[in-house]
N, C-alpha and C. Protein backbone atom coordinates (compact mmCIF):
# COMPACT_ATOMS: atom_id res chain seq x y z
N MET A 1 -5.32 -14.84 0.94
CA MET A 1 -5.77 -13.48 0.76
C MET A 1 -6.64 -13.42 -0.49
N GLY A 2 -7.85 -13.88 -0.36
CA GLY A 2 -8.82 -13.76 -1.45
C GLY A 2 -8.36 -14.38 -2.75
N LYS A 3 -8.54 -13.64 -3.81
CA LYS A 3 -8.21 -14.07 -5.17
C LYS A 3 -6.75 -14.50 -5.28
N SER A 4 -6.51 -15.54 -6.03
CA SER A 4 -5.16 -16.04 -6.21
C SER A 4 -4.31 -15.04 -6.97
N ARG A 5 -3.23 -14.62 -6.36
CA ARG A 5 -2.31 -13.69 -7.02
C ARG A 5 -1.41 -14.45 -7.99
N ALA A 6 -1.31 -15.78 -7.82
CA ALA A 6 -0.44 -16.58 -8.69
C ALA A 6 -0.93 -16.54 -10.14
N ALA A 7 -2.24 -16.47 -10.34
CA ALA A 7 -2.80 -16.46 -11.69
C ALA A 7 -2.76 -15.07 -12.32
N SER A 8 -2.33 -14.10 -11.58
CA SER A 8 -2.30 -12.72 -12.04
C SER A 8 -1.23 -12.49 -13.10
N LYS A 9 -1.53 -11.56 -14.00
CA LYS A 9 -0.53 -11.14 -15.00
C LYS A 9 0.35 -10.02 -14.45
N ALA A 10 -0.02 -9.52 -13.28
CA ALA A 10 0.75 -8.44 -12.67
C ALA A 10 2.03 -8.99 -12.04
N ASN A 11 3.10 -8.24 -12.15
CA ASN A 11 4.36 -8.61 -11.52
C ASN A 11 4.44 -7.89 -10.17
N TRP A 12 3.96 -8.56 -9.13
CA TRP A 12 3.91 -7.94 -7.80
C TRP A 12 5.29 -7.57 -7.29
N ASN A 13 6.33 -8.26 -7.76
CA ASN A 13 7.69 -7.94 -7.33
C ASN A 13 8.16 -6.60 -7.90
N ALA A 14 7.48 -6.11 -8.92
CA ALA A 14 7.87 -4.85 -9.55
C ALA A 14 7.31 -3.63 -8.81
N LEU A 15 6.47 -3.85 -7.81
CA LEU A 15 5.95 -2.71 -7.05
C LEU A 15 7.10 -1.95 -6.41
N ARG A 16 7.01 -0.64 -6.48
CA ARG A 16 8.01 0.23 -5.87
C ARG A 16 7.40 0.88 -4.64
N LEU A 17 8.24 1.34 -3.74
CA LEU A 17 7.80 2.01 -2.53
C LEU A 17 8.46 3.38 -2.44
N LYS A 18 7.69 4.35 -1.93
CA LYS A 18 8.25 5.70 -1.81
C LYS A 18 7.44 6.48 -0.77
N ARG A 19 8.14 7.27 0.00
CA ARG A 19 7.46 8.15 0.95
C ARG A 19 6.82 9.28 0.14
N ILE A 20 5.57 9.57 0.43
CA ILE A 20 4.82 10.53 -0.38
C ILE A 20 5.41 11.94 -0.32
N TYR A 21 6.18 12.24 0.71
CA TYR A 21 6.77 13.56 0.83
C TYR A 21 7.99 13.75 -0.08
N GLU A 22 8.48 12.66 -0.68
CA GLU A 22 9.57 12.76 -1.65
C GLU A 22 8.99 13.27 -2.97
N ALA A 23 9.80 14.00 -3.71
CA ALA A 23 9.33 14.58 -4.98
C ALA A 23 8.94 13.49 -5.98
N PRO A 24 7.83 13.71 -6.68
CA PRO A 24 7.44 12.76 -7.74
C PRO A 24 8.50 12.73 -8.84
N SER A 25 8.63 11.57 -9.48
CA SER A 25 9.56 11.45 -10.60
C SER A 25 8.92 10.57 -11.68
N PRO A 26 9.37 10.71 -12.91
CA PRO A 26 8.81 9.90 -14.00
C PRO A 26 8.96 8.39 -13.75
N GLU A 27 10.02 7.99 -13.03
CA GLU A 27 10.24 6.58 -12.73
C GLU A 27 9.16 5.99 -11.83
N ASP A 28 8.41 6.84 -11.14
CA ASP A 28 7.34 6.37 -10.24
C ASP A 28 6.25 5.63 -11.02
N GLY A 29 6.04 6.00 -12.25
CA GLY A 29 4.92 5.42 -13.00
C GLY A 29 3.61 5.84 -12.35
N GLN A 30 2.72 4.90 -12.14
CA GLN A 30 1.44 5.17 -11.47
C GLN A 30 1.73 5.38 -9.98
N ARG A 31 1.28 6.50 -9.44
CA ARG A 31 1.51 6.82 -8.03
C ARG A 31 0.25 6.50 -7.24
N VAL A 32 0.37 5.52 -6.33
CA VAL A 32 -0.80 5.00 -5.61
C VAL A 32 -0.60 5.17 -4.11
N LEU A 33 -1.43 6.01 -3.50
CA LEU A 33 -1.39 6.19 -2.05
C LEU A 33 -2.14 5.05 -1.39
N VAL A 34 -1.49 4.38 -0.43
CA VAL A 34 -2.12 3.25 0.26
C VAL A 34 -2.22 3.49 1.77
N ASP A 35 -2.41 4.73 2.16
CA ASP A 35 -2.63 5.10 3.56
C ASP A 35 -4.12 5.34 3.79
N ARG A 36 -4.58 5.11 5.02
CA ARG A 36 -5.98 5.35 5.36
C ARG A 36 -6.25 6.85 5.48
N LEU A 37 -5.28 7.59 6.01
CA LEU A 37 -5.44 9.03 6.22
C LEU A 37 -4.65 9.81 5.18
N TRP A 38 -5.16 10.98 4.83
CA TRP A 38 -4.43 11.84 3.89
C TRP A 38 -3.19 12.37 4.60
N PRO A 39 -2.03 12.41 3.94
CA PRO A 39 -0.79 12.89 4.55
C PRO A 39 -0.88 14.36 4.98
N ARG A 40 -0.41 14.63 6.17
CA ARG A 40 -0.45 16.00 6.71
C ARG A 40 0.38 16.95 5.88
N GLY A 41 -0.19 18.14 5.67
CA GLY A 41 0.54 19.22 5.04
C GLY A 41 0.82 19.05 3.56
N LEU A 42 0.15 18.12 2.91
CA LEU A 42 0.40 17.86 1.50
C LEU A 42 -0.87 18.10 0.70
N SER A 43 -0.76 18.93 -0.32
CA SER A 43 -1.92 19.18 -1.17
C SER A 43 -2.08 18.05 -2.18
N LYS A 44 -3.27 17.89 -2.69
CA LYS A 44 -3.52 16.85 -3.69
C LYS A 44 -2.74 17.14 -4.97
N GLU A 45 -2.54 18.41 -5.27
CA GLU A 45 -1.78 18.78 -6.46
C GLU A 45 -0.32 18.36 -6.32
N LYS A 46 0.27 18.61 -5.15
CA LYS A 46 1.67 18.25 -4.92
C LYS A 46 1.88 16.74 -4.89
N ALA A 47 0.87 16.01 -4.46
CA ALA A 47 0.98 14.55 -4.34
C ALA A 47 1.07 13.89 -5.71
N GLU A 48 0.45 14.49 -6.70
CA GLU A 48 0.44 13.95 -8.06
C GLU A 48 0.08 12.47 -8.09
N LEU A 49 -1.05 12.16 -7.47
CA LEU A 49 -1.51 10.76 -7.38
C LEU A 49 -2.21 10.30 -8.64
N THR A 50 -2.09 9.03 -8.91
CA THR A 50 -2.93 8.37 -9.91
C THR A 50 -4.24 8.01 -9.22
N VAL A 51 -4.11 7.44 -8.02
CA VAL A 51 -5.29 7.01 -7.27
C VAL A 51 -4.93 6.86 -5.79
N TRP A 52 -5.93 7.04 -4.94
CA TRP A 52 -5.79 6.81 -3.50
C TRP A 52 -6.58 5.55 -3.20
N LEU A 53 -5.90 4.45 -2.92
CA LEU A 53 -6.56 3.19 -2.61
C LEU A 53 -6.67 3.02 -1.09
N ARG A 54 -7.52 3.82 -0.51
CA ARG A 54 -7.72 3.83 0.93
C ARG A 54 -8.18 2.46 1.44
N ASP A 55 -8.97 1.76 0.63
CA ASP A 55 -9.49 0.46 1.07
C ASP A 55 -8.43 -0.64 1.06
N ALA A 56 -7.25 -0.35 0.54
CA ALA A 56 -6.15 -1.32 0.60
C ALA A 56 -5.28 -1.09 1.84
N SER A 57 -5.66 -0.11 2.65
CA SER A 57 -4.88 0.20 3.85
C SER A 57 -5.48 -0.51 5.06
N PRO A 58 -4.69 -0.65 6.13
CA PRO A 58 -5.21 -1.30 7.34
C PRO A 58 -6.26 -0.45 8.04
N SER A 59 -7.09 -1.10 8.83
CA SER A 59 -8.10 -0.40 9.61
C SER A 59 -7.42 0.58 10.57
N ASP A 60 -8.20 1.53 11.10
CA ASP A 60 -7.64 2.50 12.04
C ASP A 60 -7.02 1.80 13.25
N ALA A 61 -7.73 0.81 13.80
CA ALA A 61 -7.23 0.10 14.98
C ALA A 61 -5.90 -0.59 14.69
N LEU A 62 -5.82 -1.24 13.55
CA LEU A 62 -4.59 -1.95 13.19
C LEU A 62 -3.46 -0.96 12.88
N ARG A 63 -3.80 0.13 12.24
CA ARG A 63 -2.82 1.18 11.93
C ARG A 63 -2.22 1.74 13.23
N ARG A 64 -3.08 2.01 14.20
CA ARG A 64 -2.61 2.54 15.49
C ARG A 64 -1.70 1.53 16.20
N LYS A 65 -2.08 0.26 16.10
CA LYS A 65 -1.31 -0.80 16.76
C LYS A 65 0.13 -0.85 16.24
N VAL A 66 0.29 -0.83 14.94
CA VAL A 66 1.65 -0.92 14.39
C VAL A 66 2.43 0.36 14.61
N HIS A 67 1.76 1.51 14.60
CA HIS A 67 2.47 2.77 14.83
C HIS A 67 2.93 2.91 16.28
N ALA A 68 2.19 2.29 17.20
CA ALA A 68 2.53 2.38 18.62
C ALA A 68 3.86 1.68 18.93
N ALA A 69 4.07 0.53 18.32
CA ALA A 69 5.29 -0.25 18.57
C ALA A 69 5.58 -1.11 17.34
N PRO A 70 6.13 -0.51 16.30
CA PRO A 70 6.32 -1.23 15.03
C PRO A 70 7.10 -2.54 15.15
N GLU A 71 8.21 -2.52 15.87
CA GLU A 71 9.03 -3.74 15.97
C GLU A 71 8.31 -4.85 16.71
N GLU A 72 7.70 -4.52 17.83
CA GLU A 72 7.04 -5.54 18.65
C GLU A 72 5.78 -6.09 17.98
N ASN A 73 5.08 -5.26 17.24
CA ASN A 73 3.79 -5.65 16.67
C ASN A 73 3.84 -6.07 15.20
N TRP A 74 5.01 -6.06 14.58
CA TRP A 74 5.10 -6.27 13.14
C TRP A 74 4.51 -7.61 12.68
N ASP A 75 4.91 -8.70 13.31
CA ASP A 75 4.44 -10.02 12.88
C ASP A 75 2.93 -10.16 13.02
N SER A 76 2.39 -9.72 14.15
CA SER A 76 0.93 -9.82 14.33
C SER A 76 0.22 -8.84 13.40
N PHE A 77 0.84 -7.70 13.13
CA PHE A 77 0.27 -6.75 12.18
C PHE A 77 0.13 -7.39 10.80
N LEU A 78 1.17 -8.08 10.34
CA LEU A 78 1.11 -8.74 9.03
C LEU A 78 -0.02 -9.76 8.96
N THR A 79 -0.18 -10.54 10.02
CA THR A 79 -1.24 -11.55 10.05
C THR A 79 -2.61 -10.89 10.01
N GLU A 80 -2.81 -9.89 10.85
CA GLU A 80 -4.12 -9.22 10.91
C GLU A 80 -4.41 -8.44 9.62
N TYR A 81 -3.39 -7.81 9.06
CA TYR A 81 -3.56 -7.05 7.82
C TYR A 81 -3.94 -7.99 6.68
N ARG A 82 -3.28 -9.15 6.62
CA ARG A 82 -3.63 -10.15 5.60
C ARG A 82 -5.11 -10.51 5.70
N ASN A 83 -5.60 -10.69 6.92
CA ASN A 83 -7.02 -11.01 7.12
C ASN A 83 -7.91 -9.87 6.65
N GLU A 84 -7.53 -8.63 6.96
CA GLU A 84 -8.33 -7.48 6.52
C GLU A 84 -8.37 -7.36 5.00
N LEU A 85 -7.32 -7.77 4.34
CA LEU A 85 -7.27 -7.66 2.88
C LEU A 85 -8.22 -8.64 2.19
N ASN A 86 -8.84 -9.52 2.95
CA ASN A 86 -9.83 -10.44 2.38
C ASN A 86 -11.22 -9.81 2.26
N SER A 87 -11.41 -8.62 2.82
CA SER A 87 -12.73 -7.98 2.73
C SER A 87 -13.05 -7.62 1.28
N GLU A 88 -14.32 -7.48 1.01
CA GLU A 88 -14.76 -7.16 -0.36
C GLU A 88 -14.17 -5.84 -0.86
N ARG A 89 -14.17 -4.84 0.01
CA ARG A 89 -13.65 -3.52 -0.38
C ARG A 89 -12.15 -3.57 -0.65
N ALA A 90 -11.42 -4.29 0.21
CA ALA A 90 -9.98 -4.42 0.01
C ALA A 90 -9.69 -5.18 -1.28
N GLN A 91 -10.46 -6.21 -1.55
CA GLN A 91 -10.25 -6.99 -2.78
C GLN A 91 -10.49 -6.13 -4.02
N ALA A 92 -11.47 -5.24 -3.96
CA ALA A 92 -11.73 -4.33 -5.08
C ALA A 92 -10.54 -3.38 -5.27
N ALA A 93 -9.98 -2.89 -4.17
CA ALA A 93 -8.81 -2.01 -4.25
C ALA A 93 -7.60 -2.76 -4.81
N LEU A 94 -7.42 -4.00 -4.40
CA LEU A 94 -6.30 -4.80 -4.91
C LEU A 94 -6.47 -5.12 -6.39
N ALA A 95 -7.71 -5.31 -6.82
CA ALA A 95 -7.97 -5.54 -8.24
C ALA A 95 -7.59 -4.31 -9.06
N GLU A 96 -7.87 -3.13 -8.52
CA GLU A 96 -7.47 -1.88 -9.20
C GLU A 96 -5.95 -1.76 -9.24
N LEU A 97 -5.30 -2.09 -8.15
CA LEU A 97 -3.84 -2.07 -8.10
C LEU A 97 -3.25 -3.05 -9.12
N GLU A 98 -3.84 -4.22 -9.20
CA GLU A 98 -3.39 -5.23 -10.17
C GLU A 98 -3.55 -4.72 -11.60
N ARG A 99 -4.67 -4.07 -11.88
CA ARG A 99 -4.92 -3.51 -13.21
C ARG A 99 -3.85 -2.47 -13.57
N LEU A 100 -3.55 -1.60 -12.62
CA LEU A 100 -2.52 -0.58 -12.86
C LEU A 100 -1.15 -1.21 -13.11
N LEU A 101 -0.84 -2.24 -12.35
CA LEU A 101 0.47 -2.87 -12.46
C LEU A 101 0.65 -3.59 -13.79
N THR A 102 -0.43 -4.05 -14.39
CA THR A 102 -0.31 -4.70 -15.70
C THR A 102 -0.03 -3.67 -16.80
N GLN A 103 -0.22 -2.38 -16.48
CA GLN A 103 0.00 -1.32 -17.46
C GLN A 103 1.40 -0.71 -17.40
N GLY A 104 2.14 -1.02 -16.34
CA GLY A 104 3.48 -0.45 -16.21
C GLY A 104 3.86 -0.25 -14.76
N PRO A 105 4.91 0.54 -14.51
CA PRO A 105 5.41 0.72 -13.15
C PRO A 105 4.36 1.33 -12.21
N VAL A 106 4.38 0.85 -10.97
CA VAL A 106 3.49 1.37 -9.93
C VAL A 106 4.32 1.60 -8.68
N THR A 107 4.15 2.77 -8.07
CA THR A 107 4.81 3.09 -6.82
C THR A 107 3.76 3.24 -5.73
N LEU A 108 3.90 2.43 -4.68
CA LEU A 108 3.03 2.54 -3.51
C LEU A 108 3.57 3.66 -2.63
N LEU A 109 2.72 4.61 -2.32
CA LEU A 109 3.12 5.77 -1.53
C LEU A 109 2.58 5.66 -0.11
N TYR A 110 3.39 6.10 0.84
CA TYR A 110 3.02 6.07 2.26
C TYR A 110 3.57 7.32 2.93
N ALA A 111 3.01 7.68 4.08
CA ALA A 111 3.46 8.87 4.79
C ALA A 111 4.33 8.55 6.01
N ALA A 112 4.30 7.33 6.47
CA ALA A 112 5.02 6.94 7.69
C ALA A 112 6.50 7.29 7.63
N LYS A 113 7.05 7.66 8.78
CA LYS A 113 8.48 7.96 8.85
C LYS A 113 9.32 6.69 8.84
N ASP A 114 8.77 5.61 9.37
CA ASP A 114 9.48 4.33 9.41
C ASP A 114 9.44 3.70 8.02
N GLU A 115 10.56 3.70 7.35
CA GLU A 115 10.60 3.19 5.98
C GLU A 115 10.68 1.67 5.91
N ALA A 116 10.96 1.02 7.03
CA ALA A 116 11.08 -0.44 7.04
C ALA A 116 9.80 -1.13 7.47
N ARG A 117 9.02 -0.49 8.33
CA ARG A 117 7.80 -1.10 8.86
C ARG A 117 6.63 -0.12 8.73
N ASN A 118 5.93 -0.23 7.62
CA ASN A 118 4.73 0.57 7.41
C ASN A 118 3.77 -0.24 6.55
N ASN A 119 2.57 0.27 6.36
CA ASN A 119 1.57 -0.53 5.65
C ASN A 119 1.90 -0.75 4.17
N ALA A 120 2.63 0.16 3.53
CA ALA A 120 3.01 -0.04 2.13
C ALA A 120 4.01 -1.19 2.01
N VAL A 121 4.98 -1.23 2.92
CA VAL A 121 5.94 -2.33 2.95
C VAL A 121 5.20 -3.64 3.18
N ALA A 122 4.27 -3.62 4.15
CA ALA A 122 3.50 -4.82 4.46
C ALA A 122 2.66 -5.27 3.27
N LEU A 123 2.01 -4.32 2.60
CA LEU A 123 1.17 -4.66 1.45
C LEU A 123 2.01 -5.30 0.35
N LYS A 124 3.14 -4.71 0.05
CA LYS A 124 4.01 -5.28 -0.99
C LYS A 124 4.46 -6.69 -0.60
N LEU A 125 4.86 -6.85 0.65
CA LEU A 125 5.30 -8.15 1.15
C LEU A 125 4.18 -9.20 1.03
N LEU A 126 2.98 -8.84 1.44
CA LEU A 126 1.85 -9.77 1.39
C LEU A 126 1.46 -10.11 -0.04
N LEU A 127 1.55 -9.17 -0.94
CA LEU A 127 1.19 -9.42 -2.34
C LEU A 127 2.22 -10.30 -3.05
N GLN A 128 3.44 -10.25 -2.59
CA GLN A 128 4.50 -11.05 -3.21
C GLN A 128 4.47 -12.50 -2.77
N ARG A 129 3.76 -12.79 -1.69
CA ARG A 129 3.71 -14.17 -1.17
C ARG A 129 2.82 -15.04 -2.00
């Protein structure tokens, strides 16, 4: 996945995950939305985001694929998402995420109802490898 994460000063294992509809808390640190679409029914003020890293999210086609059947498509989703993260735009978004993480706690925010299989979980998993 592009640039070597091993040489990074960021502690990728320290990334936190949270559903964006949960109330913000001081423990969240930097709040980073990693969804392609803005969450329904949520104002930007209520979200209290540090940044929206849309380019770190999966493409629309890949997003639809995993939402259609998360369990059946999870492994192939991870493989395809890893490939998408090699794009120039995704690498720029990951560099920003890395910069934030070197400054303190970072919480990846997502809107999906499935807390075990969503793009934020996948992103954290891929970055930790």
